[in-house]
């Protein structure tokens, strides 16, 4: 007998990330709860993804210099804010 495996609704998104901030852009790949991005200046940003119970997703990223950005996502896009109050918007495709 064949069984169909159920996919959990609480899965972290995977794919190619594209984020734009104030005069800068970041792009990279995420698989599961780990994301690695590179910005226009060549800095690497490492992040983690926490899936919340209400189908929202929380992101936290940190670069090599200790700068941080964090935010949330619904099913439509990503909204992040850095330490200086600048807003970063993006999506996963």
PDB file of N, CA and C in Angstrom:
ATOM      1  N   UNK A   1       0.840  -1.164   0.000  1.00  0.00           N
ATOM      2  CA  UNK A   1       0.000   0.000   0.000  1.00  0.00           C
ATOM      3  C   UNK A   1       0.897   1.242   0.000  1.00  0.00           C
ATOM      4  N   UNK A   2       0.519   2.211  -0.790  1.00  0.00           N
ATOM      5  CA  UNK A   2       1.273   3.447  -0.870  1.00  0.00           C
ATOM      6  C   UNK A   2       0.724   4.478   0.103  1.00  0.00           C
ATOM      7  N   UNK A   3       1.627   5.207   0.712  1.00  0.00           N
ATOM      8  CA  UNK A   3       1.224   6.250   1.641  1.00  0.00           C
ATOM      9  C   UNK A   3       1.743   7.584   1.134  1.00  0.00           C
ATOM     10  N   UNK A   4       0.928   8.572   1.249  1.00  0.00           N
ATOM     11  CA  UNK A   4       1.332   9.922   0.856  1.00  0.00           C
ATOM     12  C   UNK A   4       1.818  10.654   2.100  1.00  0.00           C
ATOM     13  N   UNK A   5       2.999  11.204   2.009  1.00  0.00           N
ATOM     14  CA  UNK A   5       3.573  11.928   3.134  1.00  0.00           C
ATOM     15  C   UNK A   5       2.951  13.321   3.200  1.00  0.00           C
ATOM     16  N   UNK A   6       2.499  13.691   4.356  1.00  0.00           N
ATOM     17  CA  UNK A   6       1.937  15.014   4.535  1.00  0.00           C
ATOM     18  C   UNK A   6       3.041  16.036   4.689  1.00  0.00           C
ATOM     19  N   UNK A   7       2.835  17.174   4.052  1.00  0.00           N
ATOM     20  CA  UNK A   7       3.798  18.262   4.191  1.00  0.00           C
ATOM     21  C   UNK A   7       3.344  19.149   5.334  1.00  0.00           C
ATOM     22  N   UNK A   8       4.245  19.471   6.186  1.00  0.00           N
ATOM     23  CA  UNK A   8       3.925  20.321   7.321  1.00  0.00           C
ATOM     24  C   UNK A   8       3.712  21.757   6.859  1.00  0.00           C
ATOM     25  N   UNK A   9       2.755  22.436   7.454  1.00  0.00           N
ATOM     26  CA  UNK A   9       2.511  23.841   7.118  1.00  0.00           C
ATOM     27  C   UNK A   9       3.586  24.729   7.728  1.00  0.00           C
ATOM     28  N   UNK A  10       4.263  24.236   8.737  1.00  0.00           N
ATOM     29  CA  UNK A  10       5.273  25.027   9.439  1.00  0.00           C
ATOM     30  C   UNK A  10       6.662  24.763   8.888  1.00  0.00           C
ATOM     31  N   UNK A  11       6.814  24.878   7.581  1.00  0.00           N
ATOM     32  CA  UNK A  11       8.115  24.683   6.956  1.00  0.00           C
ATOM     33  C   UNK A  11       8.712  26.028   6.606  1.00  0.00           C
ATOM     34  N   UNK A  12       9.996  26.149   6.747  1.00  0.00           N
ATOM     35  CA  UNK A  12      10.682  27.374   6.354  1.00  0.00           C
ATOM     36  C   UNK A  12      10.761  27.426   4.834  1.00  0.00           C
ATOM     37  N   UNK A  13      10.590  28.610   4.258  1.00  0.00           N
ATOM     38  CA  UNK A  13      10.641  28.703   2.797  1.00  0.00           C
ATOM     39  C   UNK A  13      12.060  28.487   2.286  1.00  0.00           C
ATOM     40  N   UNK A  14      12.153  27.965   1.089  1.00  0.00           N
ATOM     41  CA  UNK A  14      13.453  27.782   0.470  1.00  0.00           C
ATOM     42  C   UNK A  14      13.399  28.366  -0.923  1.00  0.00           C
ATOM     43  N   UNK A  15      14.531  28.844  -1.392  1.00  0.00           N
ATOM     44  CA  UNK A  15      14.593  29.433  -2.721  1.00  0.00           C
ATOM     45  C   UNK A  15      15.565  30.590  -2.749  1.00  0.00           C
ATOM     46  N   UNK A  16      15.437  31.411  -3.784  1.00  0.00           N
ATOM     47  CA  UNK A  16      16.326  32.539  -3.994  1.00  0.00           C
ATOM     48  C   UNK A  16      15.709  33.786  -3.372  1.00  0.00           C
ATOM     49  N   UNK A  17      16.457  34.464  -2.499  1.00  0.00           N
ATOM     50  CA  UNK A  17      15.995  35.657  -1.803  1.00  0.00           C
ATOM     51  C   UNK A  17      16.481  36.899  -2.542  1.00  0.00           C
ATOM     52  N   UNK A  18      15.615  37.889  -2.671  1.00  0.00           N
ATOM     53  CA  UNK A  18      15.958  39.182  -3.268  1.00  0.00           C
ATOM     54  C   UNK A  18      15.417  40.268  -2.343  1.00  0.00           C
ATOM     55  N   UNK A  19      16.328  41.073  -1.737  1.00  0.00           N
ATOM     56  CA  UNK A  19      15.940  42.139  -0.817  1.00  0.00           C
ATOM     57  C   UNK A  19      16.525  43.456  -1.287  1.00  0.00           C
ATOM     58  N   UNK A  20      15.772  44.538  -1.103  1.00  0.00           N
ATOM     59  CA  UNK A  20      16.245  45.867  -1.448  1.00  0.00           C
ATOM     60  C   UNK A  20      16.049  46.789  -0.253  1.00  0.00           C
ATOM     61  N   UNK A  21      17.090  47.556   0.038  1.00  0.00           N
ATOM     62  CA  UNK A  21      17.054  48.509   1.126  1.00  0.00           C
ATOM     63  C   UNK A  21      17.371  49.897   0.629  1.00  0.00           C
ATOM     64  N   UNK A  22      17.772  50.784   1.511  1.00  0.00           N
ATOM     65  CA  UNK A  22      18.068  52.166   1.121  1.00  0.00           C
ATOM     66  C   UNK A  22      19.357  52.250   0.293  1.00  0.00           C
ATOM     67  N   UNK A  23      19.219  52.207  -1.011  1.00  0.00           N
ATOM     68  CA  UNK A  23      20.376  52.301  -1.894  1.00  0.00           C
ATOM     69  C   UNK A  23      21.219  51.045  -1.982  1.00  0.00           C
ATOM     70  N   UNK A  24      20.759  49.950  -1.438  1.00  0.00           N
ATOM     71  CA  UNK A  24      21.494  48.694  -1.453  1.00  0.00           C
ATOM     72  C   UNK A  24      20.563  47.546  -1.772  1.00  0.00           C
ATOM     73  N   UNK A  25      21.143  46.459  -2.186  1.00  0.00           N
ATOM     74  CA  UNK A  25      20.364  45.252  -2.474  1.00  0.00           C
ATOM     75  C   UNK A  25      21.128  44.037  -1.960  1.00  0.00           C
ATOM     76  N   UNK A  26      20.380  42.999  -1.592  1.00  0.00           N
ATOM     77  CA  UNK A  26      20.966  41.737  -1.163  1.00  0.00           C
ATOM     78  C   UNK A  26      20.272  40.615  -1.910  1.00  0.00           C
ATOM     79  N   UNK A  27      21.013  39.574  -2.169  1.00  0.00           N
ATOM     80  CA  UNK A  27      20.446  38.396  -2.796  1.00  0.00           C
ATOM     81  C   UNK A  27      21.200  37.175  -2.304  1.00  0.00           C
ATOM     82  N   UNK A  28      20.533  36.047  -2.346  1.00  0.00           N
ATOM     83  CA  UNK A  28      21.170  34.820  -1.906  1.00  0.00           C
ATOM     84  C   UNK A  28      20.181  33.673  -1.877  1.00  0.00           C
ATOM     85  N   UNK A  29      20.597  32.593  -1.268  1.00  0.00           N
ATOM     86  CA  UNK A  29      19.806  31.375  -1.266  1.00  0.00           C
ATOM     87  C   UNK A  29      19.536  30.918   0.151  1.00  0.00           C
ATOM     88  N   UNK A  30      18.344  30.393   0.357  1.00  0.00           N
ATOM     89  CA  UNK A  30      17.985  29.835   1.650  1.00  0.00           C
ATOM     90  C   UNK A  30      17.424  28.441   1.490  1.00  0.00           C
ATOM     91  N   UNK A  31      17.785  27.577   2.397  1.00  0.00           N
ATOM     92  CA  UNK A  31      17.280  26.216   2.388  1.00  0.00           C
ATOM     93  C   UNK A  31      16.923  25.847   3.818  1.00  0.00           C
ATOM     94  N   UNK A  32      15.667  25.638   4.060  1.00  0.00           N
ATOM     95  CA  UNK A  32      15.239  25.330   5.417  1.00  0.00           C
ATOM     96  C   UNK A  32      15.321  26.552   6.294  1.00  0.00           C
ATOM     97  N   UNK A  33      15.908  26.399   7.460  1.00  0.00           N
ATOM     98  CA  UNK A  33      15.958  27.521   8.386  1.00  0.00           C
ATOM     99  C   UNK A  33      17.265  28.312   8.323  1.00  0.00           C
ATOM    100  N   UNK A  34      18.128  28.067   7.339  1.00  0.00           N
ATOM    101  CA  UNK A  34      19.384  28.800   7.193  1.00  0.00           C
ATOM    102  C   UNK A  34      19.392  29.562   5.874  1.00  0.00           C
ATOM    103  N   UNK A  35      19.768  30.851   5.937  1.00  0.00           N
ATOM    104  CA  UNK A  35      19.806  31.711   4.755  1.00  0.00           C
ATOM    105  C   UNK A  35      21.164  32.391   4.696  1.00  0.00           C
ATOM    106  N   UNK A  36      21.730  32.479   3.495  1.00  0.00           N
ATOM    107  CA  UNK A  36      23.003  33.165   3.285  1.00  0.00           C
ATOM    108  C   UNK A  36      22.810  34.170   2.153  1.00  0.00           C
ATOM    109  N   UNK A  37      23.087  35.452   2.443  1.00  0.00           N
ATOM    110  CA  UNK A  37      22.910  36.533   1.481  1.00  0.00           C
ATOM    111  C   UNK A  37      24.215  37.274   1.264  1.00  0.00           C
ATOM    112  N   UNK A  38      24.339  37.922   0.109  1.00  0.00           N
ATOM    113  CA  UNK A  38      25.480  38.782  -0.189  1.00  0.00           C
ATOM    114  C   UNK A  38      24.914  40.114  -0.660  1.00  0.00           C
ATOM    115  N   UNK A  39      25.457  41.228  -0.118  1.00  0.00           N
ATOM    116  CA  UNK A  39      24.959  42.539  -0.527  1.00  0.00           C
ATOM    117  C   UNK A  39      25.831  43.134  -1.629  1.00  0.00           C
ATOM    118  N   UNK A  40      25.472  44.349  -2.073  1.00  0.00           N
ATOM    119  CA  UNK A  40      26.186  45.008  -3.164  1.00  0.00           C
ATOM    120  C   UNK A  40      27.648  45.278  -2.843  1.00  0.00           C
ATOM    121  N   UNK A  41      27.948  45.485  -1.573  1.00  0.00           N
ATOM    122  CA  UNK A  41      29.321  45.797  -1.161  1.00  0.00           C
ATOM    123  C   UNK A  41      30.166  44.555  -0.927  1.00  0.00           C
ATOM    124  N   UNK A  42      29.570  43.379  -1.083  1.00  0.00           N
ATOM    125  CA  UNK A  42      30.312  42.135  -0.945  1.00  0.00           C
ATOM    126  C   UNK A  42      30.262  41.508   0.429  1.00  0.00           C
ATOM    127  N   UNK A  43      29.545  42.096   1.363  1.00  0.00           N
ATOM    128  CA  UNK A  43      29.441  41.537   2.713  1.00  0.00           C
ATOM    129  C   UNK A  43      28.513  40.337   2.716  1.00  0.00           C
ATOM    130  N   UNK A  44      28.862  39.352   3.522  1.00  0.00           N
ATOM    131  CA  UNK A  44      28.020  38.160   3.680  1.00  0.00           C
ATOM    132  C   UNK A  44      27.106  38.339   4.876  1.00  0.00           C
ATOM    133  N   UNK A  45      25.870  37.996   4.703  1.00  0.00           N
ATOM    134  CA  UNK A  45      24.872  38.026   5.767  1.00  0.00           C
ATOM    135  C   UNK A  45      24.377  36.605   5.990  1.00  0.00           C
ATOM    136  N   UNK A  46      24.436  36.150   7.240  1.00  0.00           N
ATOM    137  CA  UNK A  46      23.939  34.822   7.604  1.00  0.00           C
ATOM    138  C   UNK A  46      22.697  35.015   8.454  1.00  0.00           C
ATOM    139  N   UNK A  47      21.712  34.176   8.227  1.00  0.00           N
ATOM    140  CA  UNK A  47      20.476  34.348   8.972  1.00  0.00           C
ATOM    141  C   UNK A  47      19.787  33.056   9.285  1.00  0.00           C
ATOM    142  N   UNK A  48      18.804  33.198  10.160  1.00  0.00           N
ATOM    143  CA  UNK A  48      17.987  32.046  10.512  1.00  0.00           C
ATOM    144  C   UNK A  48      16.522  32.411  10.345  1.00  0.00           C
ATOM    145  N   UNK A  49      15.724  31.390  10.154  1.00  0.00           N
ATOM    146  CA  UNK A  49      14.301  31.533   9.903  1.00  0.00           C
ATOM    147  C   UNK A  49      13.556  30.803  11.010  1.00  0.00           C
ATOM    148  N   UNK A  50      12.604  31.488  11.644  1.00  0.00           N
ATOM    149  CA  UNK A  50      11.758  30.876  12.662  1.00  0.00           C
ATOM    150  C   UNK A  50      10.315  30.923  12.180  1.00  0.00           C
ATOM    151  N   UNK A  51       9.716  29.777  11.974  1.00  0.00           N
ATOM    152  CA  UNK A  51       8.326  29.707  11.553  1.00  0.00           C
ATOM    153  C   UNK A  51       7.450  29.801  12.784  1.00  0.00           C
ATOM    154  N   UNK A  52       6.548  30.777  12.802  1.00  0.00           N
ATOM    155  CA  UNK A  52       5.645  30.989  13.920  1.00  0.00           C
ATOM    156  C   UNK A  52       4.379  30.155  13.726  1.00  0.00           C
ATOM    157  N   UNK A  53       3.580  30.044  14.755  1.00  0.00           N
ATOM    158  CA  UNK A  53       2.375  29.227  14.694  1.00  0.00           C
ATOM    159  C   UNK A  53       1.271  29.799  13.838  1.00  0.00           C
ATOM    160  N   UNK A  54       1.271  31.103  13.594  1.00  0.00           N
ATOM    161  CA  UNK A  54       0.185  31.733  12.837  1.00  0.00           C
ATOM    162  C   UNK A  54       0.552  31.943  11.371  1.00  0.00           C
ATOM    163  N   UNK A  55       1.386  31.097  10.824  1.00  0.00           N
ATOM    164  CA  UNK A  55       1.827  31.129   9.424  1.00  0.00           C
ATOM    165  C   UNK A  55       2.654  32.361   9.084  1.00  0.00           C
ATOM    166  N   UNK A  56       3.157  33.061  10.083  1.00  0.00           N
ATOM    167  CA  UNK A  56       4.111  34.136   9.810  1.00  0.00           C
ATOM    168  C   UNK A  56       5.517  33.595  10.057  1.00  0.00           C
ATOM    169  N   UNK A  57       6.492  34.267   9.487  1.00  0.00           N
ATOM    170  CA  UNK A  57       7.873  33.807   9.556  1.00  0.00           C
ATOM    171  C   UNK A  57       8.741  34.951  10.053  1.00  0.00           C
ATOM    172  N   UNK A  58       9.615  34.686  11.008  1.00  0.00           N
ATOM    173  CA  UNK A  58      10.516  35.697  11.564  1.00  0.00           C
ATOM    174  C   UNK A  58      11.926  35.446  11.041  1.00  0.00           C
ATOM    175  N   UNK A  59      12.570  36.516  10.559  1.00  0.00           N
ATOM    176  CA  UNK A  59      13.927  36.449  10.009  1.00  0.00           C
ATOM    177  C   UNK A  59      14.881  37.248  10.879  1.00  0.00           C
ATOM    178  N   UNK A  60      16.105  36.735  11.030  1.00  0.00           N
ATOM    179  CA  UNK A  60      17.194  37.453  11.705  1.00  0.00           C
ATOM    180  C   UNK A  60      18.470  37.236  10.908  1.00  0.00           C
ATOM    181  N   UNK A  61      19.126  38.347  10.526  1.00  0.00           N
ATOM    182  CA  UNK A  61      20.361  38.286   9.757  1.00  0.00           C
ATOM    183  C   UNK A  61      21.445  39.077  10.466  1.00  0.00           C
ATOM    184  N   UNK A  62      22.684  38.619  10.311  1.00  0.00           N
ATOM    185  CA  UNK A  62      23.838  39.288  10.901  1.00  0.00           C
ATOM    186  C   UNK A  62      24.986  39.211   9.904  1.00  0.00           C
ATOM    187  N   UNK A  63      25.732  40.324   9.750  1.00  0.00           N
ATOM    188  CA  UNK A  63      26.872  40.302   8.825  1.00  0.00           C
ATOM    189  C   UNK A  63      28.169  40.126   9.591  1.00  0.00           C
ATOM    190  N   UNK A  64      29.285  40.177   8.868  1.00  0.00           N
ATOM    191  CA  UNK A  64      30.600  39.946   9.450  1.00  0.00           C
ATOM    192  C   UNK A  64      31.026  41.054  10.413  1.00  0.00           C
ATOM    193  N   UNK A  65      30.463  42.253  10.244  1.00  0.00           N
ATOM    194  CA  UNK A  65      30.812  43.398  11.084  1.00  0.00           C
ATOM    195  C   UNK A  65      29.925  43.520  12.307  1.00  0.00           C
ATOM    196  N   UNK A  66      28.952  42.643  12.465  1.00  0.00           N
ATOM    197  CA  UNK A  66      28.063  42.668  13.616  1.00  0.00           C
ATOM    198  C   UNK A  66      26.768  43.432  13.391  1.00  0.00           C
ATOM    199  N   UNK A  67      26.547  43.954  12.194  1.00  0.00           N
ATOM    200  CA  UNK A  67      25.286  44.629  11.889  1.00  0.00           C
ATOM    201  C   UNK A  67      24.164  43.602  11.823  1.00  0.00           C
ATOM    202  N   UNK A  68      22.963  44.020  12.235  1.00  0.00           N
ATOM    203  CA  UNK A  68      21.843  43.104  12.272  1.00  0.00           C
ATOM    204  C   UNK A  68      20.634  43.702  11.579  1.00  0.00           C
ATOM    205  N   UNK A  69      19.855  42.844  10.938  1.00  0.00           N
ATOM    206  CA  UNK A  69      18.537  43.202  10.439  1.00  0.00           C
ATOM    207  C   UNK A  69      17.596  42.068  10.813  1.00  0.00           C
ATOM    208  N   UNK A  70      16.356  42.419  11.103  1.00  0.00           N
ATOM    209  CA  UNK A  70      15.379  41.401  11.473  1.00  0.00           C
ATOM    210  C   UNK A  70      14.005  41.858  11.025  1.00  0.00           C
ATOM    211  N   UNK A  71      13.095  40.915  10.922  1.00  0.00           N
ATOM    212  CA  UNK A  71      11.747  41.253  10.504  1.00  0.00           C
ATOM    213  C   UNK A  71      10.878  40.038  10.335  1.00  0.00           C
ATOM    214  N   UNK A  72       9.751  40.266   9.659  1.00  0.00           N
ATOM    215  CA  UNK A  72       8.753  39.219   9.507  1.00  0.00           C
ATOM    216  C   UNK A  72       8.350  39.066   8.050  1.00  0.00           C
ATOM    217  N   UNK A  73       7.628  38.006   7.787  1.00  0.00           N
ATOM    218  CA  UNK A  73       7.118  37.743   6.458  1.00  0.00           C
ATOM    219  C   UNK A  73       5.757  37.079   6.573  1.00  0.00           C
ATOM    220  N   UNK A  74       4.897  37.421   5.639  1.00  0.00           N
ATOM    221  CA  UNK A  74       3.667  36.668   5.472  1.00  0.00           C
ATOM    222  C   UNK A  74       3.825  35.888   4.174  1.00  0.00           C
ATOM    223  N   UNK A  75       2.783  35.473   3.575  1.00  0.00           N
ATOM    224  CA  UNK A  75       2.915  34.689   2.355  1.00  0.00           C
ATOM    225  C   UNK A  75       3.243  35.544   1.134  1.00  0.00           C
ATOM    226  N   UNK A  76       3.191  36.861   1.241  1.00  0.00           N
ATOM    227  CA  UNK A  76       3.382  37.744   0.095  1.00  0.00           C
ATOM    228  C   UNK A  76       4.804  38.285  -0.036  1.00  0.00           C
ATOM    229  N   UNK A  77       5.445  38.683   1.037  1.00  0.00           N
ATOM    230  CA  UNK A  77       6.768  39.277   0.943  1.00  0.00           C
ATOM    231  C   UNK A  77       7.458  39.339   2.296  1.00  0.00           C
ATOM    232  N   UNK A  78       8.660  39.929   2.288  1.00  0.00           N
ATOM    233  CA  UNK A  78       9.480  40.029   3.484  1.00  0.00           C
ATOM    234  C   UNK A  78       9.650  41.501   3.823  1.00  0.00           C
ATOM    235  N   UNK A  79       9.555  41.849   5.097  1.00  0.00           N
ATOM    236  CA  UNK A  79       9.774  43.202   5.574  1.00  0.00           C
ATOM    237  C   UNK A  79      10.768  43.145   6.722  1.00  0.00           C
ATOM    238  N   UNK A  80      11.944  43.774   6.533  1.00  0.00           N
ATOM    239  CA  UNK A  80      13.002  43.765   7.538  1.00  0.00           C
ATOM    240  C   UNK A  80      13.343  45.197   7.933  1.00  0.00           C
ATOM    241  N   UNK A  81      13.915  45.361   9.124  1.00  0.00           N
ATOM    242  CA  UNK A  81      14.366  46.665   9.576  1.00  0.00           C
ATOM    243  C   UNK A  81      15.749  46.495  10.193  1.00  0.00           C
ATOM    244  N   UNK A  82      16.667  47.415   9.861  1.00  0.00           N
ATOM    245  CA  UNK A  82      18.012  47.325  10.416  1.00  0.00           C
ATOM    246  C   UNK A  82      18.123  48.162  11.683  1.00  0.00           C
ATOM    247  N   UNK A  83      19.330  48.221  12.256  1.00  0.00           N
ATOM    248  CA  UNK A  83      19.551  48.920  13.520  1.00  0.00           C
ATOM    249  C   UNK A  83      19.335  50.427  13.413  1.00  0.00           C
ATOM    250  N   UNK A  84      19.493  50.960  12.218  1.00  0.00           N
ATOM    251  CA  UNK A  84      19.339  52.404  12.008  1.00  0.00           C
ATOM    252  C   UNK A  84      17.908  52.799  11.665  1.00  0.00           C
ATOM    253  N   UNK A  85      17.013  51.840  11.562  1.00  0.00           N
ATOM    254  CA  UNK A  85      15.619  52.110  11.252  1.00  0.00           C
ATOM    255  C   UNK A  85      15.284  52.059   9.779  1.00  0.00           C
ATOM    256  N   UNK A  86      16.246  51.701   8.938  1.00  0.00           N
ATOM    257  CA  UNK A  86      15.991  51.585   7.503  1.00  0.00           C
ATOM    258  C   UNK A  86      15.180  50.323   7.218  1.00  0.00           C
ATOM    259  N   UNK A  87      14.298  50.414   6.240  1.00  0.00           N
ATOM    260  CA  UNK A  87      13.429  49.306   5.889  1.00  0.00           C
ATOM    261  C   UNK A  87      13.962  48.575   4.658  1.00  0.00           C
ATOM    262  N   UNK A  88      13.973  47.261   4.745  1.00  0.00           N
ATOM    263  CA  UNK A  88      14.368  46.389   3.642  1.00  0.00           C
ATOM    264  C   UNK A  88      13.137  45.591   3.237  1.00  0.00           C
ATOM    265  N   UNK A  89      12.861  45.543   1.945  1.00  0.00           N
ATOM    266  CA  UNK A  89      11.719  44.778   1.435  1.00  0.00           C
ATOM    267  C   UNK A  89      12.210  43.771   0.400  1.00  0.00           C
ATOM    268  N   UNK A  90      11.537  42.640   0.351  1.00  0.00           N
ATOM    269  CA  UNK A  90      11.951  41.642  -0.617  1.00  0.00           C
ATOM    270  C   UNK A  90      10.970  40.500  -0.735  1.00  0.00           C
ATOM    271  N   UNK A  91      11.403  39.497  -1.451  1.00  0.00           N
ATOM    272  CA  UNK A  91      10.571  38.332  -1.699  1.00  0.00           C
ATOM    273  C   UNK A  91      11.454  37.128  -1.972  1.00  0.00           C
ATOM    274  N   UNK A  92      10.817  35.978  -2.042  1.00  0.00           N
ATOM    275  CA  UNK A  92      11.500  34.716  -2.333  1.00  0.00           C
ATOM    276  C   UNK A  92      10.881  34.146  -3.596  1.00  0.00           C
ATOM    277  N   UNK A  93      11.735  33.732  -4.522  1.00  0.00           N
ATOM    278  CA  UNK A  93      11.201  33.067  -5.722  1.00  0.00           C
ATOM    279  C   UNK A  93      12.020  31.867  -6.062  1.00  0.00           C
TER     280      UNK A  93
END
